[in-house]
Protein backbone atom coordinates (compact mmCIF):
# COMPACT_ATOMS: atom_id res chain seq x y z
CA MET A 1 -39.55 -59.26 41.12
CA ASN A 2 -42.34 -58.79 43.02
CA GLY A 3 -45.60 -57.00 40.88
CA GLU A 4 -44.13 -57.76 37.33
CA ILE A 5 -46.41 -57.94 34.57
CA THR A 6 -47.12 -60.43 31.71
CA LYS A 7 -49.44 -61.72 29.91
CA TYR A 8 -52.27 -64.09 28.92
CA TYR A 9 -52.36 -65.83 25.74
CA LYS A 10 -55.61 -67.82 24.58
CA TYR A 11 -55.27 -70.21 21.38
CA ASP A 12 -58.48 -70.43 19.64
CA SER A 13 -56.94 -73.28 17.72
CA SER A 14 -55.87 -75.29 20.74
CA GLY A 15 -58.67 -74.73 22.93
CA SER A 16 -56.12 -74.12 25.80
CA GLY A 17 -53.74 -70.92 26.81
CA SER A 18 -50.58 -69.85 28.56
CA VAL A 19 -49.05 -67.33 30.53
CA THR A 20 -45.66 -66.62 30.03
CA ILE A 21 -42.83 -66.49 32.98
CA PRO A 22 -40.04 -64.26 32.80
CA ILE A 23 -36.75 -66.40 32.95
CA ALA A 24 -35.24 -63.88 35.40
CA LEU A 25 -38.11 -64.80 37.44
CA ALA A 26 -38.07 -68.71 36.90
CA LYS A 27 -34.09 -68.37 37.67
CA ALA A 28 -35.10 -66.76 41.02
CA LEU A 29 -37.31 -69.54 42.14
CA ASN A 30 -34.82 -72.64 40.70
CA TRP A 31 -37.12 -73.56 38.19
CA GLU A 32 -35.71 -75.64 35.45
CA HIS A 33 -37.07 -76.37 31.85
CA GLN A 34 -40.13 -78.88 31.79
CA ASP A 35 -40.57 -79.00 36.35
CA GLU A 36 -43.97 -79.33 37.36
CA ILE A 37 -45.76 -76.43 38.22
CA GLY A 38 -48.68 -76.88 40.82
CA ILE A 39 -51.24 -74.03 40.59
CA ILE A 40 -53.52 -72.98 43.86
CA ILE A 41 -56.41 -70.44 43.04
CA ASP A 42 -56.84 -67.80 45.72
CA VAL A 43 -58.73 -64.97 46.62
CA LYS A 44 -56.86 -62.17 48.79
CA ASN A 45 -57.95 -58.65 49.62
CA ASP A 46 -61.18 -59.45 46.92
CA LYS A 47 -58.65 -60.56 44.14
CA LYS A 48 -58.54 -63.42 42.78
CA GLY A 49 -55.36 -64.57 41.52
CA LEU A 50 -52.94 -67.95 40.83
CA PHE A 51 -50.11 -69.29 43.52
CA LEU A 52 -47.67 -71.12 41.31
CA PHE A 53 -45.20 -73.54 43.19
CA LYS A 54 -42.30 -76.26 42.22
CA LYS A 55 -43.29 -79.65 42.70
């Protein structure tokens, strides 16, 4: 599942946005509904990205 494509959605009405994680990927990571997911922002190979991990 490495390199899966997803989309970012910005919601003007709430002032926030979201990224959708495919269910197959969440299952592969043993993520369950309402798990707390940590986020690290980092740069690798001149590309800024996110590292998501289950707390």
